[in-house]
Amino acid sequence: MIFSEQQAERYSRHFVLKEIGVKGQKKLLSSRVLVIGAGALGSNALMYLAAAGVGTLGVADYDSVDLSNLQRQVIHSTERLGMKKTASAEIALKALNPDVTVVQHSERITAENIREIIEQYDFIADCTDRFETKFLINDACVLSKKPYSHAGAVRFEGQVMTYVPEKGPCLRCLLDKVPSQEQTVTCSQAGVLGAVTGIIGSIQAAEAIKYLLGTGELLVGRVLRVDALSMRIQTVKTGKANAKCRICGNDPEILSLADNSKEYEVNGCQ
């Protein structure tokens, strides 16, 4: 691949990084990342992945842009209220970097279609806000041996971890089952500082880029937590995969998504 004059200028700051360079930029341009959820976390993850020159970005979301989204979902705009989030995201991403191919997945992500979708990608970013969907993504990635970044944010706090097959624990190693409604709180109930989702989504983009390039230390076996109110960042070691994990342990119970479909449908997916 030969870079055009515009591409050479666009990626010049990457070229001088020894961890990326010309070879790494070519790798990014040939890579494929799926972002599930084009909301707050997804907005920032998508924009930085596009800016970095990740060649193909899948955007999965079935929702439309609402005025209440714009306090944190910076990939969308007032002019695109009512538009499908996938279509709105593509407009922003192509405006930022025309090198990027955007693939819209505007249907609801379910146990029936997720594995077929994620098979097309090298890395998956979970930018959703429901635990049912997070466990669905985790289980699909484990079964399909796909690396992914898990993240969440509420109020002034956020957290991120990365799963790489056979390298460390999955979400189910840490939380065996989807928490009950009484154990969780949503952004609509408790609120969230938009800037926190920007921090967390940007970290997800960095994890994806590092994985694609095979450089740096991923958040495998570690959970990074951010408290913006006290401005404290903490990394908690989670250790190795749980040998008793129901999906990635030594004697797994969940052998297909159909085995556990009811757990993903408590409140509906995504």
C-alpha atoms as a PDB file:
ATOM      1  CA  MET A   1       0.000   0.000   0.000  1.00  0.00           C
ATOM      2  CA  ILE A   2       1.246   3.472  -0.916  1.00  0.00           C
ATOM      3  CA  PHE A   3      -0.047   6.399   1.109  1.00  0.00           C
ATOM      4  CA  SER A   4      -1.416   9.390  -0.741  1.00  0.00           C
ATOM      5  CA  GLU A   5      -0.057  12.840   0.068  1.00  0.00           C
ATOM      6  CA  GLN A   6      -3.171  13.595   2.139  1.00  0.00           C
ATOM      7  CA  GLN A   7      -2.909  10.298   4.029  1.00  0.00           C
ATOM      8  CA  ALA A   8       0.765  10.894   4.771  1.00  0.00           C
ATOM      9  CA  GLU A   9      -0.141  14.227   6.326  1.00  0.00           C
ATOM     10  CA  ARG A  10      -3.215  12.881   8.136  1.00  0.00           C
ATOM     11  CA  TYR A  11      -1.307  10.057   9.839  1.00  0.00           C
ATOM     12  CA  SER A  12       2.019  11.866  10.266  1.00  0.00           C
ATOM     13  CA  ARG A  13       1.795  11.819  14.070  1.00  0.00           C
ATOM     14  CA  HIS A  14       1.345   8.059  13.951  1.00  0.00           C
ATOM     15  CA  PHE A  15       4.283   7.597  11.613  1.00  0.00           C
ATOM     16  CA  VAL A  16       6.696   9.054  14.189  1.00  0.00           C
ATOM     17  CA  LEU A  17       5.503   6.700  16.928  1.00  0.00           C
ATOM     18  CA  LYS A  18       7.798   3.672  16.907  1.00  0.00           C
ATOM     19  CA  GLU A  19       4.909   1.516  18.154  1.00  0.00           C
ATOM     20  CA  ILE A  20       2.888   2.406  15.048  1.00  0.00           C
ATOM     21  CA  GLY A  21       4.929   3.823  12.184  1.00  0.00           C
ATOM     22  CA  VAL A  22       4.083   3.258   8.533  1.00  0.00           C
ATOM     23  CA  LYS A  23       3.715  -0.502   8.990  1.00  0.00           C
ATOM     24  CA  GLY A  24       1.326  -0.103  11.900  1.00  0.00           C
ATOM     25  CA  GLN A  25      -0.778   2.458  10.055  1.00  0.00           C
ATOM     26  CA  LYS A  26      -1.171   0.040   7.183  1.00  0.00           C
ATOM     27  CA  LYS A  27      -2.298  -2.557   9.687  1.00  0.00           C
ATOM     28  CA  LEU A  28      -4.903  -0.194  11.123  1.00  0.00           C
ATOM     29  CA  LEU A  29      -6.240   0.660   7.679  1.00  0.00           C
ATOM     30  CA  SER A  30      -6.738  -3.045   6.963  1.00  0.00           C
ATOM     31  CA  SER A  31      -8.411  -3.764  10.321  1.00  0.00           C
ATOM     32  CA  ARG A  32     -12.084  -4.095  11.237  1.00  0.00           C
ATOM     33  CA  VAL A  33     -13.632  -3.048  14.559  1.00  0.00           C
ATOM     34  CA  LEU A  34     -17.265  -3.383  15.612  1.00  0.00           C
ATOM     35  CA  VAL A  35     -18.694  -0.907  18.102  1.00  0.00           C
ATOM     36  CA  ILE A  36     -21.952  -2.117  19.630  1.00  0.00           C
ATOM     37  CA  GLY A  37     -23.878   0.894  20.870  1.00  0.00           C
ATOM     38  CA  ALA A  38     -23.608   4.286  19.159  1.00  0.00           C
ATOM     39  CA  GLY A  39     -24.409   6.185  22.319  1.00  0.00           C
ATOM     40  CA  ALA A  40     -22.153   7.880  24.839  1.00  0.00           C
ATOM     41  CA  LEU A  41     -19.281   5.393  25.034  1.00  0.00           C
ATOM     42  CA  GLY A  42     -19.629   4.480  21.383  1.00  0.00           C
ATOM     43  CA  SER A  43     -19.522   8.116  20.237  1.00  0.00           C
ATOM     44  CA  ASN A  44     -16.031   8.627  21.572  1.00  0.00           C
ATOM     45  CA  ALA A  45     -14.730   5.162  20.740  1.00  0.00           C
ATOM     46  CA  LEU A  46     -15.926   5.498  17.148  1.00  0.00           C
ATOM     47  CA  MET A  47     -14.525   8.988  16.600  1.00  0.00           C
ATOM     48  CA  TYR A  48     -11.057   8.073  17.828  1.00  0.00           C
ATOM     49  CA  LEU A  49     -11.015   4.796  15.915  1.00  0.00           C
ATOM     50  CA  ALA A  50     -11.962   6.671  12.750  1.00  0.00           C
ATOM     51  CA  ALA A  51      -9.405   9.388  13.411  1.00  0.00           C
ATOM     52  CA  ALA A  52      -6.750   6.690  13.886  1.00  0.00           C
ATOM     53  CA  GLY A  53      -7.554   5.261  10.467  1.00  0.00           C
ATOM     54  CA  VAL A  54      -9.108   1.928  11.396  1.00  0.00           C
ATOM     55  CA  GLY A  55     -10.224   0.896   7.933  1.00  0.00           C
ATOM     56  CA  THR A  56     -13.646  -0.610   8.601  1.00  0.00           C
ATOM     57  CA  LEU A  57     -15.900   0.380  11.469  1.00  0.00           C
ATOM     58  CA  GLY A  58     -19.090  -1.502  12.177  1.00  0.00           C
ATOM     59  CA  VAL A  59     -21.712   0.506  14.066  1.00  0.00           C
ATOM     60  CA  ALA A  60     -24.461  -1.526  15.742  1.00  0.00           C
ATOM     61  CA  ASP A  61     -27.475   0.267  17.218  1.00  0.00           C
ATOM     62  CA  TYR A  62     -31.223   0.124  16.578  1.00  0.00           C
ATOM     63  CA  ASP A  63     -32.142   3.418  18.275  1.00  0.00           C
ATOM     64  CA  SER A  64     -32.694   6.925  16.878  1.00  0.00           C
ATOM     65  CA  VAL A  65     -31.105  10.205  17.989  1.00  0.00           C
ATOM     66  CA  ASP A  66     -33.028  11.901  20.811  1.00  0.00           C
ATOM     67  CA  LEU A  67     -32.483  15.357  22.272  1.00  0.00           C
ATOM     68  CA  SER A  68     -31.622  13.868  25.682  1.00  0.00           C
ATOM     69  CA  ASN A  69     -28.728  11.968  24.031  1.00  0.00           C
ATOM     70  CA  LEU A  70     -26.797  15.069  23.036  1.00  0.00           C
ATOM     71  CA  GLN A  71     -25.511  15.869  26.529  1.00  0.00           C
ATOM     72  CA  ARG A  72     -23.010  13.031  26.073  1.00  0.00           C
ATOM     73  CA  GLN A  73     -23.401  11.359  22.661  1.00  0.00           C
ATOM     74  CA  VAL A  74     -21.117  13.740  20.801  1.00  0.00           C
ATOM     75  CA  ILE A  75     -21.090  11.853  17.504  1.00  0.00           C
ATOM     76  CA  HIS A  76     -24.677  13.042  16.911  1.00  0.00           C
ATOM     77  CA  SER A  77     -26.036  16.560  16.440  1.00  0.00           C
ATOM     78  CA  THR A  78     -29.188  18.620  16.848  1.00  0.00           C
ATOM     79  CA  GLU A  79     -29.702  18.617  13.079  1.00  0.00           C
ATOM     80  CA  ARG A  80     -29.882  14.813  13.095  1.00  0.00           C
ATOM     81  CA  LEU A  81     -32.595  14.392  15.734  1.00  0.00           C
ATOM     82  CA  GLY A  82     -34.839  11.463  14.829  1.00  0.00           C
ATOM     83  CA  MET A  83     -32.249   9.916  12.500  1.00  0.00           C
ATOM     84  CA  LYS A  84     -31.088   6.356  13.072  1.00  0.00           C
ATOM     85  CA  LYS A  85     -27.977   6.466  15.232  1.00  0.00           C
ATOM     86  CA  THR A  86     -26.077   4.260  12.806  1.00  0.00           C
ATOM     87  CA  ALA A  87     -26.782   6.674   9.939  1.00  0.00           C
ATOM     88  CA  SER A  88     -25.954   9.703  12.079  1.00  0.00           C
ATOM     89  CA  ALA A  89     -22.690   8.086  13.171  1.00  0.00           C
ATOM     90  CA  GLU A  90     -21.696   7.335   9.582  1.00  0.00           C
ATOM     91  CA  ILE A  91     -22.144  10.999   8.607  1.00  0.00           C
ATOM     92  CA  ALA A  92     -19.824  12.114  11.430  1.00  0.00           C
ATOM     93  CA  LEU A  93     -17.233   9.403  10.828  1.00  0.00           C
ATOM     94  CA  LYS A  94     -16.994   9.972   7.071  1.00  0.00           C
ATOM     95  CA  ALA A  95     -16.744  13.725   7.638  1.00  0.00           C
ATOM     96  CA  LEU A  96     -13.839  13.140  10.017  1.00  0.00           C
ATOM     97  CA  ASN A  97     -12.002  10.561   7.892  1.00  0.00           C
ATOM     98  CA  PRO A  98     -13.122   9.576   4.387  1.00  0.00           C
ATOM     99  CA  ASP A  99     -10.603   6.693   4.448  1.00  0.00           C
ATOM    100  CA  VAL A 100     -12.931   4.768   6.759  1.00  0.00           C
ATOM    101  CA  THR A 101     -15.604   2.358   5.545  1.00  0.00           C
ATOM    102  CA  VAL A 102     -18.644   2.391   7.835  1.00  0.00           C
ATOM    103  CA  VAL A 103     -20.924  -0.643   8.043  1.00  0.00           C
ATOM    104  CA  GLN A 104     -24.303   0.022   9.637  1.00  0.00           C
ATOM    105  CA  HIS A 105     -25.943  -2.709  11.707  1.00  0.00           C
ATOM    106  CA  SER A 106     -29.218  -0.975  12.538  1.00  0.00           C
ATOM    107  CA  GLU A 107     -31.030  -4.037  13.808  1.00  0.00           C
ATOM    108  CA  ARG A 108     -31.332  -5.095  17.442  1.00  0.00           C
ATOM    109  CA  ILE A 109     -28.424  -7.269  18.567  1.00  0.00           C
ATOM    110  CA  THR A 110     -29.800 -10.625  19.722  1.00  0.00           C
ATOM    111  CA  ALA A 111     -28.655 -14.143  20.518  1.00  0.00           C
ATOM    112  CA  GLU A 112     -29.792 -15.125  17.023  1.00  0.00           C
ATOM    113  CA  ASN A 113     -27.680 -12.655  15.031  1.00  0.00           C
ATOM    114  CA  ILE A 114     -24.718 -11.545  17.142  1.00  0.00           C
ATOM    115  CA  ARG A 115     -22.258 -14.294  16.281  1.00  0.00           C
ATOM    116  CA  GLU A 116     -22.783 -13.871  12.544  1.00  0.00           C
ATOM    117  CA  ILE A 117     -22.140 -10.129  12.944  1.00  0.00           C
ATOM    118  CA  ILE A 118     -19.045 -10.300  15.151  1.00  0.00           C
ATOM    119  CA  GLU A 119     -17.399 -12.896  12.903  1.00  0.00           C
ATOM    120  CA  GLN A 120     -16.754 -10.078  10.411  1.00  0.00           C
ATOM    121  CA  TYR A 121     -14.549  -8.100  12.820  1.00  0.00           C
ATOM    122  CA  ASP A 122     -11.117  -8.280  14.464  1.00  0.00           C
ATOM    123  CA  PHE A 123     -12.131  -6.570  17.709  1.00  0.00           C
ATOM    124  CA  ILE A 124     -15.425  -5.682  19.387  1.00  0.00           C
ATOM    125  CA  ALA A 125     -16.162  -2.743  21.691  1.00  0.00           C
ATOM    126  CA  ASP A 126     -19.095  -3.181  24.069  1.00  0.00           C
ATOM    127  CA  CYS A 127     -20.493   0.343  24.397  1.00  0.00           C
ATOM    128  CA  THR A 128     -23.972  -0.672  25.539  1.00  0.00           C
ATOM    129  CA  ASP A 129     -25.745   0.235  28.753  1.00  0.00           C
ATOM    130  CA  ARG A 130     -27.754  -2.871  29.657  1.00  0.00           C
ATOM    131  CA  PHE A 131     -26.254  -5.800  31.550  1.00  0.00           C
ATOM    132  CA  GLU A 132     -28.321  -8.250  29.508  1.00  0.00           C
ATOM    133  CA  THR A 133     -26.616  -7.067  26.348  1.00  0.00           C
ATOM    134  CA  LYS A 134     -23.204  -6.947  28.001  1.00  0.00           C
ATOM    135  CA  PHE A 135     -23.477 -10.600  28.975  1.00  0.00           C
ATOM    136  CA  LEU A 136     -24.731 -11.464  25.491  1.00  0.00           C
ATOM    137  CA  ILE A 137     -21.684  -9.754  23.960  1.00  0.00           C
ATOM    138  CA  ASN A 138     -19.358 -11.434  26.441  1.00  0.00           C
ATOM    139  CA  ASP A 139     -20.761 -14.890  25.793  1.00  0.00           C
ATOM    140  CA  ALA A 140     -20.768 -14.443  22.014  1.00  0.00           C
ATOM    141  CA  CYS A 141     -17.153 -13.249  22.048  1.00  0.00           C
ATOM    142  CA  VAL A 142     -16.022 -16.101  24.283  1.00  0.00           C
ATOM    143  CA  LEU A 143     -17.759 -18.714  22.122  1.00  0.00           C
ATOM    144  CA  SER A 144     -16.458 -17.131  18.903  1.00  0.00           C
ATOM    145  CA  LYS A 145     -12.980 -16.499  20.373  1.00  0.00           C
ATOM    146  CA  LYS A 146     -13.194 -12.772  19.674  1.00  0.00           C
ATOM    147  CA  PRO A 147     -11.364 -10.112  21.736  1.00  0.00           C
ATOM    148  CA  TYR A 148     -13.468  -7.302  23.091  1.00  0.00           C
ATOM    149  CA  SER A 149     -13.513  -4.306  25.418  1.00  0.00           C
ATOM    150  CA  HIS A 150     -16.162  -4.140  28.144  1.00  0.00           C
ATOM    151  CA  ALA A 151     -17.026  -0.767  29.672  1.00  0.00           C
ATOM    152  CA  GLY A 152     -19.682   1.085  31.597  1.00  0.00           C
ATOM    153  CA  ALA A 153     -20.302   4.499  33.119  1.00  0.00           C
ATOM    154  CA  VAL A 154     -22.822   6.050  35.502  1.00  0.00           C
ATOM    155  CA  ARG A 155     -22.865   9.251  37.545  1.00  0.00           C
ATOM    156  CA  PHE A 156     -19.208  10.366  37.760  1.00  0.00           C
ATOM    157  CA  GLU A 157     -17.666   6.897  37.478  1.00  0.00           C
ATOM    158  CA  GLY A 158     -16.650   4.508  34.727  1.00  0.00           C
ATOM    159  CA  GLN A 159     -14.740   1.287  34.245  1.00  0.00           C
ATOM    160  CA  VAL A 160     -13.067  -0.650  31.451  1.00  0.00           C
ATOM    161  CA  MET A 161     -11.617  -4.136  30.973  1.00  0.00           C
ATOM    162  CA  THR A 162     -10.471  -6.107  27.943  1.00  0.00           C
ATOM    163  CA  TYR A 163     -11.042  -9.769  27.190  1.00  0.00           C
ATOM    164  CA  VAL A 164      -8.673 -11.684  24.937  1.00  0.00           C
ATOM    165  CA  PRO A 165      -9.421 -15.393  24.386  1.00  0.00           C
ATOM    166  CA  GLU A 166      -7.331 -17.667  26.619  1.00  0.00           C
ATOM    167  CA  LYS A 167      -5.418 -14.685  28.030  1.00  0.00           C
ATOM    168  CA  GLY A 168      -7.514 -13.639  31.018  1.00  0.00           C
ATOM    169  CA  PRO A 169     -10.959 -13.522  32.653  1.00  0.00           C
ATOM    170  CA  CYS A 170     -14.184 -12.733  30.848  1.00  0.00           C
ATOM    171  CA  LEU A 171     -17.045 -10.717  32.317  1.00  0.00           C
ATOM    172  CA  ARG A 172     -18.732 -13.879  33.557  1.00  0.00           C
ATOM    173  CA  CYS A 173     -15.586 -14.817  35.492  1.00  0.00           C
ATOM    174  CA  LEU A 174     -16.141 -11.665  37.560  1.00  0.00           C
ATOM    175  CA  LEU A 175     -19.958 -11.528  37.576  1.00  0.00           C
ATOM    176  CA  ASP A 176     -21.510 -14.956  37.173  1.00  0.00           C
ATOM    177  CA  LYS A 177     -24.976 -13.774  36.194  1.00  0.00           C
ATOM    178  CA  VAL A 178     -26.804 -10.680  35.030  1.00  0.00           C
ATOM    179  CA  PRO A 179     -27.472  -8.538  38.135  1.00  0.00           C
ATOM    180  CA  SER A 180     -31.093  -8.031  39.088  1.00  0.00           C
ATOM    181  CA  GLN A 181     -32.820  -4.699  38.491  1.00  0.00           C
ATOM    182  CA  GLU A 182     -32.603  -4.008  42.209  1.00  0.00           C
ATOM    183  CA  GLN A 183     -28.800  -4.364  42.077  1.00  0.00           C
ATOM    184  CA  THR A 184     -28.236  -1.970  39.172  1.00  0.00           C
ATOM    185  CA  VAL A 185     -28.918   1.628  38.256  1.00  0.00           C
ATOM    186  CA  THR A 186     -29.142   3.125  34.777  1.00  0.00           C
ATOM    187  CA  CYS A 187     -27.960   6.481  33.466  1.00  0.00           C
ATOM    188  CA  SER A 188     -31.561   7.592  33.018  1.00  0.00           C
ATOM    189  CA  GLN A 189     -32.192   6.870  36.699  1.00  0.00           C
ATOM    190  CA  ALA A 190     -28.946   8.165  38.221  1.00  0.00           C
ATOM    191  CA  GLY A 191     -27.524  10.440  35.531  1.00  0.00           C
ATOM    192  CA  VAL A 192     -24.039  10.500  34.068  1.00  0.00           C
ATOM    193  CA  LEU A 193     -21.428  13.163  33.413  1.00  0.00           C
ATOM    194  CA  GLY A 194     -20.865  13.249  29.663  1.00  0.00           C
ATOM    195  CA  ALA A 195     -17.140  13.824  30.040  1.00  0.00           C
ATOM    196  CA  VAL A 196     -16.821  10.522  31.934  1.00  0.00           C
ATOM    197  CA  THR A 197     -18.205   8.607  28.965  1.00  0.00           C
ATOM    198  CA  GLY A 198     -15.681  10.475  26.820  1.00  0.00           C
ATOM    199  CA  ILE A 199     -12.818   9.250  28.992  1.00  0.00           C
ATOM    200  CA  ILE A 200     -14.024   5.660  29.060  1.00  0.00           C
ATOM    201  CA  GLY A 201     -14.915   5.492  25.357  1.00  0.00           C
ATOM    202  CA  SER A 202     -11.488   6.887  24.455  1.00  0.00           C
ATOM    203  CA  ILE A 203      -9.825   4.196  26.561  1.00  0.00           C
ATOM    204  CA  GLN A 204     -11.829   1.563  24.691  1.00  0.00           C
ATOM    205  CA  ALA A 205     -10.525   2.974  21.409  1.00  0.00           C
ATOM    206  CA  ALA A 206      -6.966   2.853  22.748  1.00  0.00           C
ATOM    207  CA  GLU A 207      -7.417  -0.783  23.792  1.00  0.00           C
ATOM    208  CA  ALA A 208      -8.705  -1.705  20.339  1.00  0.00           C
ATOM    209  CA  ILE A 209      -5.813   0.053  18.614  1.00  0.00           C
ATOM    210  CA  LYS A 210      -3.216  -1.582  20.870  1.00  0.00           C
ATOM    211  CA  TYR A 211      -4.731  -4.996  20.243  1.00  0.00           C
ATOM    212  CA  LEU A 212      -4.746  -4.504  16.478  1.00  0.00           C
ATOM    213  CA  LEU A 213      -1.115  -3.386  16.529  1.00  0.00           C
ATOM    214  CA  GLY A 214       0.029  -6.014  19.033  1.00  0.00           C
ATOM    215  CA  THR A 215       1.672  -3.385  21.213  1.00  0.00           C
ATOM    216  CA  GLY A 216       1.495  -2.191  24.800  1.00  0.00           C
ATOM    217  CA  GLU A 217      -0.226  -3.758  27.791  1.00  0.00           C
ATOM    218  CA  LEU A 218      -3.938  -4.407  27.509  1.00  0.00           C
ATOM    219  CA  LEU A 219      -6.441  -4.295  30.357  1.00  0.00           C
ATOM    220  CA  VAL A 220      -6.520  -8.092  30.449  1.00  0.00           C
ATOM    221  CA  GLY A 221      -6.864  -9.383  33.984  1.00  0.00           C
ATOM    222  CA  ARG A 222      -7.324  -5.805  35.158  1.00  0.00           C
ATOM    223  CA  VAL A 223     -10.235  -3.394  35.552  1.00  0.00           C
ATOM    224  CA  LEU A 224      -9.472   0.309  35.189  1.00  0.00           C
ATOM    225  CA  ARG A 225     -11.815   2.500  37.233  1.00  0.00           C
ATOM    226  CA  VAL A 226     -12.220   6.253  36.906  1.00  0.00           C
ATOM    227  CA  ASP A 227     -13.853   8.504  39.521  1.00  0.00           C
ATOM    228  CA  ALA A 228     -14.082  11.935  37.955  1.00  0.00           C
ATOM    229  CA  LEU A 229     -15.584  13.536  41.050  1.00  0.00           C
ATOM    230  CA  SER A 230     -12.449  12.878  43.110  1.00  0.00           C
ATOM    231  CA  MET A 231     -10.302  12.577  39.951  1.00  0.00           C
ATOM    232  CA  ARG A 232      -8.874   9.235  41.005  1.00  0.00           C
ATOM    233  CA  ILE A 233      -7.939   6.451  38.599  1.00  0.00           C
ATOM    234  CA  GLN A 234      -7.450   2.956  39.941  1.00  0.00           C
ATOM    235  CA  THR A 235      -6.448  -0.308  38.272  1.00  0.00           C
ATOM    236  CA  VAL A 236      -7.699  -3.417  40.054  1.00  0.00           C
ATOM    237  CA  LYS A 237      -6.132  -6.774  39.245  1.00  0.00           C
ATOM    238  CA  THR A 238      -8.702  -9.489  38.638  1.00  0.00           C
ATOM    239  CA  GLY A 239      -6.239 -12.320  38.123  1.00  0.00           C
ATOM    240  CA  LYS A 240      -6.594 -15.287  35.834  1.00  0.00           C
ATOM    241  CA  ALA A 241      -9.749 -16.690  34.301  1.00  0.00           C
ATOM    242  CA  ASN A 242     -12.074 -18.401  36.771  1.00  0.00           C
ATOM    243  CA  ALA A 243     -11.734 -22.163  36.374  1.00  0.00           C
ATOM    244  CA  LYS A 244     -15.384 -22.456  37.449  1.00  0.00           C
ATOM    245  CA  CYS A 245     -16.672 -19.867  34.981  1.00  0.00           C
ATOM    246  CA  ARG A 246     -19.854 -21.117  33.328  1.00  0.00           C
ATOM    247  CA  ILE A 247     -18.646 -20.232  29.829  1.00  0.00           C
ATOM    248  CA  CYS A 248     -14.836 -20.124  29.742  1.00  0.00           C
ATOM    249  CA  GLY A 249     -14.025 -22.395  32.707  1.00  0.00           C
ATOM    250  CA  ASN A 250     -12.733 -25.939  32.715  1.00  0.00           C
ATOM    251  CA  ASP A 251     -16.240 -27.470  32.617  1.00  0.00           C
ATOM    252  CA  PRO A 252     -18.458 -24.869  30.920  1.00  0.00           C
ATOM    253  CA  GLU A 253     -22.258 -25.047  31.136  1.00  0.00           C
ATOM    254  CA  ILE A 254     -22.965 -22.477  28.424  1.00  0.00           C
ATOM    255  CA  LEU A 255     -22.031 -24.124  25.143  1.00  0.00           C
ATOM    256  CA  SER A 256     -24.181 -21.965  22.868  1.00  0.00           C
ATOM    257  CA  LEU A 257     -26.143 -18.747  23.161  1.00  0.00           C
ATOM    258  CA  ALA A 258     -29.329 -20.777  22.860  1.00  0.00           C
ATOM    259  CA  ASP A 259     -28.389 -22.496  26.146  1.00  0.00           C
ATOM    260  CA  ASN A 260     -28.730 -19.187  27.971  1.00  0.00           C
ATOM    261  CA  SER A 261     -31.084 -17.115  25.817  1.00  0.00           C
ATOM    262  CA  LYS A 262     -33.519 -16.228  28.613  1.00  0.00           C
ATOM    263  CA  GLU A 263     -30.797 -14.413  30.571  1.00  0.00           C
ATOM    264  CA  TYR A 264     -30.233 -12.024  27.678  1.00  0.00           C
ATOM    265  CA  GLU A 265     -33.921 -11.115  27.449  1.00  0.00           C
ATOM    266  CA  VAL A 266     -34.760  -9.979  30.993  1.00  0.00           C
ATOM    267  CA  ASN A 267     -35.138  -6.354  29.937  1.00  0.00           C
ATOM    268  CA  GLY A 268     -34.548  -6.741  26.202  1.00  0.00           C
ATOM    269  CA  CYS A 269     -31.214  -6.372  24.494  1.00  0.00           C
ATOM    270  CA  GLN A 270     -29.113  -3.263  23.957  1.00  0.00           C
END
